[in-house]
Amino acid sequence: MTEDLSLFGDDESAMPPPHETGLTSIADWQVDLLRKALDARGLKSMTERQRAVEAAAGRRVDSLRALSHDEALRVLSRLGQQGSPGSDEKSAWDDRDGDTWIDKL
């Protein structure tokens, strides 16, 4: 990752309070799951990761810790629904033109 670890890192000084819409602040396990979901989508730069989280949350997010418990669950759900880029790509096997000897068996 890049130098800006405070955006989606564990920098305690950069942790704003949870958004007013949620009742409970985000848990450490949710931060870990969000990071894994972003990694699974192939999002490496902080800009890409922030855009994906903001799109799923429906608001500006400066840090994963700024999400409420409920928002984090919603973001995880939306990231999971979107799948990873290229997940709906076909393989060379699916994209073949004619039958192979295996198809003729």
PDB file of N, CA and C in Angstrom:
ATOM      1  N   MET A   1       0.836  -1.174   0.000  1.00  0.00           N
ATOM      2  CA  MET A   1       0.000   0.000   0.000  1.00  0.00           C
ATOM      3  C   MET A   1       0.881   1.238   0.000  1.00  0.00           C
ATOM      4  N   THR A   2       0.293   2.366  -0.141  1.00  0.00           N
ATOM      5  CA  THR A   2       1.050   3.598  -0.235  1.00  0.00           C
ATOM      6  C   THR A   2       1.323   4.190   1.131  1.00  0.00           C
ATOM      7  N   GLU A   3       1.915   5.386   1.125  1.00  0.00           N
ATOM      8  CA  GLU A   3       2.316   6.042   2.362  1.00  0.00           C
ATOM      9  C   GLU A   3       1.125   6.487   3.218  1.00  0.00           C
ATOM     10  N   ASP A   4      -0.023   6.704   2.621  1.00  0.00           N
ATOM     11  CA  ASP A   4      -1.174   7.254   3.341  1.00  0.00           C
ATOM     12  C   ASP A   4      -1.928   6.150   4.082  1.00  0.00           C
ATOM     13  N   LEU A   5      -1.328   5.620   5.118  1.00  0.00           N
ATOM     14  CA  LEU A   5      -1.963   4.551   5.867  1.00  0.00           C
ATOM     15  C   LEU A   5      -3.067   5.051   6.787  1.00  0.00           C
ATOM     16  N   SER A   6      -3.111   6.336   7.049  1.00  0.00           N
ATOM     17  CA  SER A   6      -4.134   6.845   7.958  1.00  0.00           C
ATOM     18  C   SER A   6      -5.530   6.744   7.364  1.00  0.00           C
ATOM     19  N   LEU A   7      -5.635   6.726   6.036  1.00  0.00           N
ATOM     20  CA  LEU A   7      -6.947   6.655   5.405  1.00  0.00           C
ATOM     21  C   LEU A   7      -7.648   5.351   5.757  1.00  0.00           C
ATOM     22  N   PHE A   8      -6.981   4.239   5.567  1.00  0.00           N
ATOM     23  CA  PHE A   8      -7.567   2.946   5.874  1.00  0.00           C
ATOM     24  C   PHE A   8      -6.628   2.151   6.764  1.00  0.00           C
ATOM     25  N   GLY A   9      -5.843   2.836   7.560  1.00  0.00           N
ATOM     26  CA  GLY A   9      -4.898   2.191   8.450  1.00  0.00           C
ATOM     27  C   GLY A   9      -5.363   2.256   9.885  1.00  0.00           C
ATOM     28  N   ASP A  10      -4.446   1.981  10.788  1.00  0.00           N
ATOM     29  CA  ASP A  10      -4.783   1.934  12.209  1.00  0.00           C
ATOM     30  C   ASP A  10      -4.286   3.148  12.963  1.00  0.00           C
ATOM     31  N   ASP A  11      -4.102   4.260  12.305  1.00  0.00           N
ATOM     32  CA  ASP A  11      -3.609   5.464  12.952  1.00  0.00           C
ATOM     33  C   ASP A  11      -4.656   5.951  13.941  1.00  0.00           C
ATOM     34  N   GLU A  12      -4.392   5.762  15.213  1.00  0.00           N
ATOM     35  CA  GLU A  12      -5.360   6.115  16.257  1.00  0.00           C
ATOM     36  C   GLU A  12      -5.694   7.600  16.274  1.00  0.00           C
ATOM     37  N   SER A  13      -4.729   8.458  15.943  1.00  0.00           N
ATOM     38  CA  SER A  13      -4.961   9.899  15.992  1.00  0.00           C
ATOM     39  C   SER A  13      -5.896  10.372  14.888  1.00  0.00           C
ATOM     40  N   ALA A  14      -6.075   9.568  13.847  1.00  0.00           N
ATOM     41  CA  ALA A  14      -6.901   9.975  12.714  1.00  0.00           C
ATOM     42  C   ALA A  14      -8.264   9.307  12.744  1.00  0.00           C
ATOM     43  N   MET A  15      -8.711   8.868  13.923  1.00  0.00           N
ATOM     44  CA  MET A  15      -9.985   8.172  13.994  1.00  0.00           C
ATOM     45  C   MET A  15     -11.110   9.117  14.387  1.00  0.00           C
ATOM     46  N   PRO A  16     -11.902   9.537  13.386  1.00  0.00           N
ATOM     47  CA  PRO A  16     -13.044  10.387  13.698  1.00  0.00           C
ATOM     48  C   PRO A  16     -14.159   9.559  14.328  1.00  0.00           C
ATOM     49  N   PRO A  17     -15.107  10.212  14.980  1.00  0.00           N
ATOM     50  CA  PRO A  17     -16.225   9.475  15.575  1.00  0.00           C
ATOM     51  C   PRO A  17     -17.081   8.838  14.492  1.00  0.00           C
ATOM     52  N   PRO A  18     -17.797   7.769  14.801  1.00  0.00           N
ATOM     53  CA  PRO A  18     -18.659   7.133  13.803  1.00  0.00           C
ATOM     54  C   PRO A  18     -19.715   8.114  13.301  1.00  0.00           C
ATOM     55  N   HIS A  19     -20.153   7.874  12.106  1.00  0.00           N
ATOM     56  CA  HIS A  19     -21.175   8.701  11.479  1.00  0.00           C
ATOM     57  C   HIS A  19     -22.437   8.675  12.328  1.00  0.00           C
ATOM     58  N   GLU A  20     -23.153   9.756  12.343  1.00  0.00           N
ATOM     59  CA  GLU A  20     -24.324   9.901  13.211  1.00  0.00           C
ATOM     60  C   GLU A  20     -25.423   8.886  12.933  1.00  0.00           C
ATOM     61  N   THR A  21     -25.444   8.301  11.737  1.00  0.00           N
ATOM     62  CA  THR A  21     -26.528   7.386  11.402  1.00  0.00           C
ATOM     63  C   THR A  21     -26.410   6.050  12.107  1.00  0.00           C
ATOM     64  N   GLY A  22     -25.224   5.672  12.540  1.00  0.00           N
ATOM     65  CA  GLY A  22     -25.048   4.375  13.192  1.00  0.00           C
ATOM     66  C   GLY A  22     -25.018   4.534  14.697  1.00  0.00           C
ATOM     67  N   LEU A  23     -25.409   3.498  15.380  1.00  0.00           N
ATOM     68  CA  LEU A  23     -25.440   3.563  16.823  1.00  0.00           C
ATOM     69  C   LEU A  23     -24.147   3.053  17.448  1.00  0.00           C
ATOM     70  N   THR A  24     -23.475   2.129  16.777  1.00  0.00           N
ATOM     71  CA  THR A  24     -22.294   1.500  17.326  1.00  0.00           C
ATOM     72  C   THR A  24     -21.111   1.755  16.413  1.00  0.00           C
ATOM     73  N   SER A  25     -19.944   2.014  17.003  1.00  0.00           N
ATOM     74  CA  SER A  25     -18.764   2.248  16.180  1.00  0.00           C
ATOM     75  C   SER A  25     -18.281   0.936  15.574  1.00  0.00           C
ATOM     76  N   ILE A  26     -17.479   1.042  14.555  1.00  0.00           N
ATOM     77  CA  ILE A  26     -16.998  -0.107  13.807  1.00  0.00           C
ATOM     78  C   ILE A  26     -16.038  -0.934  14.669  1.00  0.00           C
ATOM     79  N   ALA A  27     -16.128  -2.244  14.532  1.00  0.00           N
ATOM     80  CA  ALA A  27     -15.274  -3.166  15.283  1.00  0.00           C
ATOM     81  C   ALA A  27     -14.014  -3.478  14.475  1.00  0.00           C
ATOM     82  N   ASP A  28     -12.981  -3.913  15.176  1.00  0.00           N
ATOM     83  CA  ASP A  28     -11.717  -4.254  14.509  1.00  0.00           C
ATOM     84  C   ASP A  28     -11.906  -5.344  13.467  1.00  0.00           C
ATOM     85  N   TRP A  29     -12.750  -6.331  13.746  1.00  0.00           N
ATOM     86  CA  TRP A  29     -12.951  -7.415  12.791  1.00  0.00           C
ATOM     87  C   TRP A  29     -13.615  -6.899  11.514  1.00  0.00           C
ATOM     88  N   GLN A  30     -14.446  -5.840  11.643  1.00  0.00           N
ATOM     89  CA  GLN A  30     -15.071  -5.269  10.458  1.00  0.00           C
ATOM     90  C   GLN A  30     -14.042  -4.533   9.615  1.00  0.00           C
ATOM     91  N   VAL A  31     -13.122  -3.827  10.261  1.00  0.00           N
ATOM     92  CA  VAL A  31     -12.049  -3.151   9.523  1.00  0.00           C
ATOM     93  C   VAL A  31     -11.233  -4.183   8.752  1.00  0.00           C
ATOM     94  N   ASP A  32     -10.909  -5.300   9.413  1.00  0.00           N
ATOM     95  CA  ASP A  32     -10.148  -6.363   8.748  1.00  0.00           C
ATOM     96  C   ASP A  32     -10.910  -6.935   7.555  1.00  0.00           C
ATOM     97  N   LEU A  33     -12.213  -7.173   7.736  1.00  0.00           N
ATOM     98  CA  LEU A  33     -13.020  -7.704   6.632  1.00  0.00           C
ATOM     99  C   LEU A  33     -13.119  -6.717   5.475  1.00  0.00           C
ATOM    100  N   LEU A  34     -13.272  -5.442   5.796  1.00  0.00           N
ATOM    101  CA  LEU A  34     -13.331  -4.428   4.737  1.00  0.00           C
ATOM    102  C   LEU A  34     -12.033  -4.397   3.954  1.00  0.00           C
ATOM    103  N   ARG A  35     -10.912  -4.453   4.645  1.00  0.00           N
ATOM    104  CA  ARG A  35      -9.614  -4.450   3.963  1.00  0.00           C
ATOM    105  C   ARG A  35      -9.461  -5.680   3.075  1.00  0.00           C
ATOM    106  N   LYS A  36      -9.889  -6.834   3.568  1.00  0.00           N
ATOM    107  CA  LYS A  36      -9.812  -8.060   2.768  1.00  0.00           C
ATOM    108  C   LYS A  36     -10.724  -7.979   1.549  1.00  0.00           C
ATOM    109  N   ALA A  37     -11.904  -7.404   1.716  1.00  0.00           N
ATOM    110  CA  ALA A  37     -12.826  -7.250   0.593  1.00  0.00           C
ATOM    111  C   ALA A  37     -12.251  -6.319  -0.463  1.00  0.00           C
ATOM    112  N   LEU A  38     -11.604  -5.253  -0.033  1.00  0.00           N
ATOM    113  CA  LEU A  38     -10.976  -4.329  -0.974  1.00  0.00           C
ATOM    114  C   LEU A  38      -9.800  -4.991  -1.678  1.00  0.00           C
ATOM    115  N   ASP A  39      -9.023  -5.773  -0.936  1.00  0.00           N
ATOM    116  CA  ASP A  39      -7.911  -6.516  -1.547  1.00  0.00           C
ATOM    117  C   ASP A  39      -8.431  -7.510  -2.578  1.00  0.00           C
ATOM    118  N   ALA A  40      -9.519  -8.212  -2.242  1.00  0.00           N
ATOM    119  CA  ALA A  40     -10.092  -9.205  -3.144  1.00  0.00           C
ATOM    120  C   ALA A  40     -10.589  -8.573  -4.436  1.00  0.00           C
ATOM    121  N   ARG A  41     -10.999  -7.334  -4.364  1.00  0.00           N
ATOM    122  CA  ARG A  41     -11.439  -6.622  -5.564  1.00  0.00           C
ATOM    123  C   ARG A  41     -10.271  -6.100  -6.382  1.00  0.00           C
ATOM    124  N   GLY A  42      -9.052  -6.293  -5.872  1.00  0.00           N
ATOM    125  CA  GLY A  42      -7.872  -5.850  -6.603  1.00  0.00           C
ATOM    126  C   GLY A  42      -7.595  -4.368  -6.482  1.00  0.00           C
ATOM    127  N   LEU A  43      -8.176  -3.729  -5.491  1.00  0.00           N
ATOM    128  CA  LEU A  43      -7.987  -2.296  -5.296  1.00  0.00           C
ATOM    129  C   LEU A  43      -6.756  -2.083  -4.431  1.00  0.00           C
ATOM    130  N   LYS A  44      -5.713  -1.520  -5.007  1.00  0.00           N
ATOM    131  CA  LYS A  44      -4.446  -1.360  -4.295  1.00  0.00           C
ATOM    132  C   LYS A  44      -4.210   0.071  -3.826  1.00  0.00           C
ATOM    133  N   SER A  45      -4.524   1.046  -4.666  1.00  0.00           N
ATOM    134  CA  SER A  45      -4.243   2.433  -4.277  1.00  0.00           C
ATOM    135  C   SER A  45      -5.300   2.933  -3.297  1.00  0.00           C
ATOM    136  N   MET A  46      -4.898   3.848  -2.445  1.00  0.00           N
ATOM    137  CA  MET A  46      -5.826   4.397  -1.453  1.00  0.00           C
ATOM    138  C   MET A  46      -6.981   5.130  -2.132  1.00  0.00           C
ATOM    139  N   THR A  47      -6.716   5.756  -3.255  1.00  0.00           N
ATOM    140  CA  THR A  47      -7.770   6.477  -3.976  1.00  0.00           C
ATOM    141  C   THR A  47      -8.842   5.507  -4.458  1.00  0.00           C
ATOM    142  N   GLU A  48      -8.426   4.379  -5.038  1.00  0.00           N
ATOM    143  CA  GLU A  48      -9.382   3.383  -5.514  1.00  0.00           C
ATOM    144  C   GLU A  48     -10.185   2.798  -4.354  1.00  0.00           C
ATOM    145  N   ARG A  49      -9.488   2.507  -3.273  1.00  0.00           N
ATOM    146  CA  ARG A  49     -10.144   1.916  -2.114  1.00  0.00           C
ATOM    147  C   ARG A  49     -11.157   2.889  -1.508  1.00  0.00           C
ATOM    148  N   GLN A  50     -10.759   4.148  -1.405  1.00  0.00           N
ATOM    149  CA  GLN A  50     -11.656   5.153  -0.832  1.00  0.00           C
ATOM    150  C   GLN A  50     -12.884   5.336  -1.715  1.00  0.00           C
ATOM    151  N   ARG A  51     -12.689   5.390  -3.027  1.00  0.00           N
ATOM    152  CA  ARG A  51     -13.835   5.549  -3.937  1.00  0.00           C
ATOM    153  C   ARG A  51     -14.815   4.390  -3.808  1.00  0.00           C
ATOM    154  N   ALA A  52     -14.292   3.170  -3.708  1.00  0.00           N
ATOM    155  CA  ALA A  52     -15.154   1.999  -3.589  1.00  0.00           C
ATOM    156  C   ALA A  52     -15.955   2.040  -2.288  1.00  0.00           C
ATOM    157  N   VAL A  53     -15.296   2.408  -1.197  1.00  0.00           N
ATOM    158  CA  VAL A  53     -15.985   2.478   0.096  1.00  0.00           C
ATOM    159  C   VAL A  53     -17.014   3.596   0.080  1.00  0.00           C
ATOM    160  N   GLU A  54     -16.657   4.745  -0.464  1.00  0.00           N
ATOM    161  CA  GLU A  54     -17.600   5.864  -0.513  1.00  0.00           C
ATOM    162  C   GLU A  54     -18.800   5.541  -1.388  1.00  0.00           C
ATOM    163  N   ALA A  55     -18.562   4.856  -2.514  1.00  0.00           N
ATOM    164  CA  ALA A  55     -19.674   4.475  -3.387  1.00  0.00           C
ATOM    165  C   ALA A  55     -20.617   3.514  -2.673  1.00  0.00           C
ATOM    166  N   ALA A  56     -20.045   2.580  -1.930  1.00  0.00           N
ATOM    167  CA  ALA A  56     -20.874   1.609  -1.203  1.00  0.00           C
ATOM    168  C   ALA A  56     -21.572   2.250  -0.003  1.00  0.00           C
ATOM    169  N   ALA A  57     -20.908   3.200   0.652  1.00  0.00           N
ATOM    170  CA  ALA A  57     -21.492   3.849   1.830  1.00  0.00           C
ATOM    171  C   ALA A  57     -22.477   4.945   1.453  1.00  0.00           C
ATOM    172  N   GLY A  58     -22.317   5.503   0.270  1.00  0.00           N
ATOM    173  CA  GLY A  58     -23.209   6.570  -0.164  1.00  0.00           C
ATOM    174  C   GLY A  58     -22.866   7.921   0.440  1.00  0.00           C
ATOM    175  N   ARG A  59     -21.661   8.056   0.952  1.00  0.00           N
ATOM    176  CA  ARG A  59     -21.223   9.333   1.524  1.00  0.00           C
ATOM    177  C   ARG A  59     -19.702   9.387   1.520  1.00  0.00           C
ATOM    178  N   ARG A  60     -19.164  10.552   1.840  1.00  0.00           N
ATOM    179  CA  ARG A  60     -17.719  10.726   1.928  1.00  0.00           C
ATOM    180  C   ARG A  60     -17.206  10.019   3.180  1.00  0.00           C
ATOM    181  N   VAL A  61     -16.122   9.268   3.022  1.00  0.00           N
ATOM    182  CA  VAL A  61     -15.535   8.521   4.133  1.00  0.00           C
ATOM    183  C   VAL A  61     -14.044   8.808   4.169  1.00  0.00           C
ATOM    184  N   ASP A  62     -13.572   9.407   5.257  1.00  0.00           N
ATOM    185  CA  ASP A  62     -12.155   9.731   5.380  1.00  0.00           C
ATOM    186  C   ASP A  62     -11.344   8.577   5.930  1.00  0.00           C
ATOM    187  N   SER A  63     -11.984   7.671   6.637  1.00  0.00           N
ATOM    188  CA  SER A  63     -11.303   6.551   7.271  1.00  0.00           C
ATOM    189  C   SER A  63     -12.306   5.421   7.444  1.00  0.00           C
ATOM    190  N   LEU A  64     -11.836   4.178   7.405  1.00  0.00           N
ATOM    191  CA  LEU A  64     -12.741   3.068   7.671  1.00  0.00           C
ATOM    192  C   LEU A  64     -13.337   3.180   9.062  1.00  0.00           C
ATOM    193  N   ARG A  65     -12.583   3.734   9.971  1.00  0.00           N
ATOM    194  CA  ARG A  65     -13.062   3.889  11.348  1.00  0.00           C
ATOM    195  C   ARG A  65     -14.156   4.953  11.456  1.00  0.00           C
ATOM    196  N   ALA A  66     -14.362   5.748  10.407  1.00  0.00           N
ATOM    197  CA  ALA A  66     -15.430   6.741  10.407  1.00  0.00           C
ATOM    198  C   ALA A  66     -16.784   6.097  10.122  1.00  0.00           C
ATOM    199  N   LEU A  67     -16.775   4.828   9.698  1.00  0.00           N
ATOM    200  CA  LEU A  67     -18.017   4.121   9.433  1.00  0.00           C
ATOM    201  C   LEU A  67     -18.634   3.629  10.733  1.00  0.00           C
ATOM    202  N   SER A  68     -19.924   3.597  10.765  1.00  0.00           N
ATOM    203  CA  SER A  68     -20.605   2.992  11.906  1.00  0.00           C
ATOM    204  C   SER A  68     -20.662   1.479  11.683  1.00  0.00           C
ATOM    205  N   HIS A  69     -21.060   0.766  12.701  1.00  0.00           N
ATOM    206  CA  HIS A  69     -21.202  -0.684  12.612  1.00  0.00           C
ATOM    207  C   HIS A  69     -22.138  -1.063  11.462  1.00  0.00           C
ATOM    208  N   ASP A  70     -23.299  -0.417  11.408  1.00  0.00           N
ATOM    209  CA  ASP A  70     -24.291  -0.719  10.375  1.00  0.00           C
ATOM    210  C   ASP A  70     -23.790  -0.355   8.983  1.00  0.00           C
ATOM    211  N   GLU A  71     -23.098   0.781   8.875  1.00  0.00           N
ATOM    212  CA  GLU A  71     -22.555   1.184   7.576  1.00  0.00           C
ATOM    213  C   GLU A  71     -21.497   0.193   7.104  1.00  0.00           C
ATOM    214  N   ALA A  72     -20.672  -0.271   8.009  1.00  0.00           N
ATOM    215  CA  ALA A  72     -19.631  -1.234   7.642  1.00  0.00           C
ATOM    216  C   ALA A  72     -20.250  -2.517   7.093  1.00  0.00           C
ATOM    217  N   LEU A  73     -21.317  -2.973   7.731  1.00  0.00           N
ATOM    218  CA  LEU A  73     -22.009  -4.164   7.243  1.00  0.00           C
ATOM    219  C   LEU A  73     -22.593  -3.926   5.850  1.00  0.00           C
ATOM    220  N   ARG A  74     -23.158  -2.747   5.651  1.00  0.00           N
ATOM    221  CA  ARG A  74     -23.734  -2.393   4.351  1.00  0.00           C
ATOM    222  C   ARG A  74     -22.643  -2.326   3.277  1.00  0.00           C
ATOM    223  N   VAL A  75     -21.507  -1.708   3.613  1.00  0.00           N
ATOM    224  CA  VAL A  75     -20.399  -1.599   2.664  1.00  0.00           C
ATOM    225  C   VAL A  75     -19.873  -2.983   2.317  1.00  0.00           C
ATOM    226  N   LEU A  76     -19.699  -3.841   3.318  1.00  0.00           N
ATOM    227  CA  LEU A  76     -19.240  -5.208   3.062  1.00  0.00           C
ATOM    228  C   LEU A  76     -20.200  -5.951   2.141  1.00  0.00           C
ATOM    229  N   SER A  77     -21.476  -5.785   2.385  1.00  0.00           N
ATOM    230  CA  SER A  77     -22.484  -6.437   1.554  1.00  0.00           C
ATOM    231  C   SER A  77     -22.398  -5.950   0.108  1.00  0.00           C
ATOM    232  N   ARG A  78     -22.287  -4.662  -0.073  1.00  0.00           N
ATOM    233  CA  ARG A  78     -22.230  -4.107  -1.435  1.00  0.00           C
ATOM    234  C   ARG A  78     -20.939  -4.482  -2.143  1.00  0.00           C
ATOM    235  N   LEU A  79     -19.835  -4.490  -1.420  1.00  0.00           N
ATOM    236  CA  LEU A  79     -18.574  -4.905  -2.037  1.00  0.00           C
ATOM    237  C   LEU A  79     -18.648  -6.377  -2.446  1.00  0.00           C
ATOM    238  N   GLY A  80     -19.314  -7.180  -1.649  1.00  0.00           N
ATOM    239  CA  GLY A  80     -19.476  -8.591  -1.975  1.00  0.00           C
ATOM    240  C   GLY A  80     -20.388  -8.812  -3.166  1.00  0.00           C
ATOM    241  N   GLN A  81     -21.417  -8.006  -3.291  1.00  0.00           N
ATOM    242  CA  GLN A  81     -22.350  -8.126  -4.413  1.00  0.00           C
ATOM    243  C   GLN A  81     -21.689  -7.746  -5.722  1.00  0.00           C
ATOM    244  N   GLN A  82     -20.798  -6.771  -5.673  1.00  0.00           N
ATOM    245  CA  GLN A  82     -20.150  -6.289  -6.893  1.00  0.00           C
ATOM    246  C   GLN A  82     -19.143  -7.291  -7.417  1.00  0.00           C
ATOM    247  N   GLY A  83     -18.601  -8.144  -6.552  1.00  0.00           N
ATOM    248  CA  GLY A  83     -17.607  -9.114  -6.975  1.00  0.00           C
ATOM    249  C   GLY A  83     -16.309  -8.434  -7.358  1.00  0.00           C
ATOM    250  N   SER A  84     -15.338  -9.231  -7.661  1.00  0.00           N
ATOM    251  CA  SER A  84     -14.047  -8.661  -8.041  1.00  0.00           C
ATOM    252  C   SER A  84     -14.039  -8.328  -9.513  1.00  0.00           C
ATOM    253  N   PRO A  85     -13.225  -7.342  -9.915  1.00  0.00           N
ATOM    254  CA  PRO A  85     -13.153  -7.012 -11.326  1.00  0.00           C
ATOM    255  C   PRO A  85     -12.657  -8.220 -12.095  1.00  0.00           C
ATOM    256  N   GLY A  86     -13.322  -8.534 -13.173  1.00  0.00           N
ATOM    257  CA  GLY A  86     -12.914  -9.664 -13.985  1.00  0.00           C
ATOM    258  C   GLY A  86     -13.514 -10.983 -13.511  1.00  0.00           C
ATOM    259  N   SER A  87     -14.325 -10.970 -12.465  1.00  0.00           N
ATOM    260  CA  SER A  87     -14.893 -12.218 -11.973  1.00  0.00           C
ATOM    261  C   SER A  87     -15.898 -12.797 -12.962  1.00  0.00           C
ATOM    262  N   ASP A  88     -16.480 -11.960 -13.821  1.00  0.00           N
ATOM    263  CA  ASP A  88     -17.418 -12.464 -14.797  1.00  0.00           C
ATOM    264  C   ASP A  88     -16.766 -12.651 -16.166  1.00  0.00           C
ATOM    265  N   GLU A  89     -15.441 -12.599 -16.221  1.00  0.00           N
ATOM    266  CA  GLU A  89     -14.736 -12.865 -17.465  1.00  0.00           C
ATOM    267  C   GLU A  89     -14.756 -14.356 -17.735  1.00  0.00           C
ATOM    268  N   LYS A  90     -14.786 -14.706 -19.019  1.00  0.00           N
ATOM    269  CA  LYS A  90     -14.759 -16.106 -19.392  1.00  0.00           C
ATOM    270  C   LYS A  90     -13.324 -16.569 -19.539  1.00  0.00           C
ATOM    271  N   SER A  91     -13.121 -17.843 -19.339  1.00  0.00           N
ATOM    272  CA  SER A  91     -11.791 -18.416 -19.530  1.00  0.00           C
ATOM    273  C   SER A  91     -11.595 -18.727 -21.008  1.00  0.00           C
ATOM    274  N   ALA A  92     -10.367 -19.038 -21.371  1.00  0.00           N
ATOM    275  CA  ALA A  92     -10.072 -19.415 -22.754  1.00  0.00           C
ATOM    276  C   ALA A  92     -10.852 -20.678 -23.125  1.00  0.00           C
ATOM    277  N   TRP A  93     -11.068 -21.554 -22.154  1.00  0.00           N
ATOM    278  CA  TRP A  93     -11.830 -22.788 -22.406  1.00  0.00           C
ATOM    279  C   TRP A  93     -13.266 -22.460 -22.788  1.00  0.00           C
ATOM    280  N   ASP A  94     -13.882 -21.535 -22.081  1.00  0.00           N
ATOM    281  CA  ASP A  94     -15.268 -21.163 -22.379  1.00  0.00           C
ATOM    282  C   ASP A  94     -15.385 -20.400 -23.684  1.00  0.00           C
ATOM    283  N   ASP A  95     -14.305 -19.779 -24.089  1.00  0.00           N
ATOM    284  CA  ASP A  95     -14.325 -18.904 -25.263  1.00  0.00           C
ATOM    285  C   ASP A  95     -13.828 -19.609 -26.523  1.00  0.00           C
ATOM    286  N   ARG A  96     -13.678 -20.925 -26.507  1.00  0.00           N
ATOM    287  CA  ARG A  96     -13.149 -21.655 -27.661  1.00  0.00           C
ATOM    288  C   ARG A  96     -14.165 -21.670 -28.791  1.00  0.00           C
ATOM    289  N   ASP A  97     -13.677 -21.799 -30.030  1.00  0.00           N
ATOM    290  CA  ASP A  97     -14.547 -21.752 -31.204  1.00  0.00           C
ATOM    291  C   ASP A  97     -15.232 -23.088 -31.510  1.00  0.00           C
ATOM    292  N   GLY A  98     -14.444 -24.151 -31.569  1.00  0.00           N
ATOM    293  CA  GLY A  98     -15.024 -25.435 -31.957  1.00  0.00           C
ATOM    294  C   GLY A  98     -14.940 -26.461 -30.859  1.00  0.00           C
ATOM    295  N   ASP A  99     -15.474 -27.631 -31.165  1.00  0.00           N
ATOM    296  CA  ASP A  99     -15.421 -28.722 -30.210  1.00  0.00           C
ATOM    297  C   ASP A  99     -14.010 -29.293 -30.136  1.00  0.00           C
ATOM    298  N   THR A 100     -13.632 -29.706 -28.972  1.00  0.00           N
ATOM    299  CA  THR A 100     -12.344 -30.363 -28.782  1.00  0.00           C
ATOM    300  C   THR A 100     -12.596 -31.857 -28.684  1.00  0.00           C
ATOM    301  N   TRP A 101     -11.549 -32.622 -28.580  1.00  0.00           N
ATOM    302  CA  TRP A 101     -11.715 -34.071 -28.473  1.00  0.00           C
ATOM    303  C   TRP A 101     -12.478 -34.448 -27.196  1.00  0.00           C
ATOM    304  N   ILE A 102     -12.367 -33.617 -26.167  1.00  0.00           N
ATOM    305  CA  ILE A 102     -13.114 -33.904 -24.942  1.00  0.00           C
ATOM    306  C   ILE A 102     -14.609 -33.690 -25.175  1.00  0.00           C
ATOM    307  N   ASP A 103     -14.954 -32.651 -25.938  1.00  0.00           N
ATOM    308  CA  ASP A 103     -16.373 -32.401 -26.236  1.00  0.00           C
ATOM    309  C   ASP A 103     -16.995 -33.531 -27.048  1.00  0.00           C
ATOM    310  N   LYS A 104     -16.185 -34.201 -27.890  1.00  0.00           N
ATOM    311  CA  LYS A 104     -16.708 -35.251 -28.761  1.00  0.00           C
ATOM    312  C   LYS A 104     -16.859 -36.577 -28.042  1.00  0.00           C
ATOM    313  N   LEU A 105     -16.319 -36.701 -26.851  1.00  0.00           N
ATOM    314  CA  LEU A 105     -16.437 -37.984 -26.133  1.00  0.00           C
ATOM    315  C   LEU A 105     -17.842 -38.251 -25.657  1.00  0.00           C
TER     316      LEU A 105
END
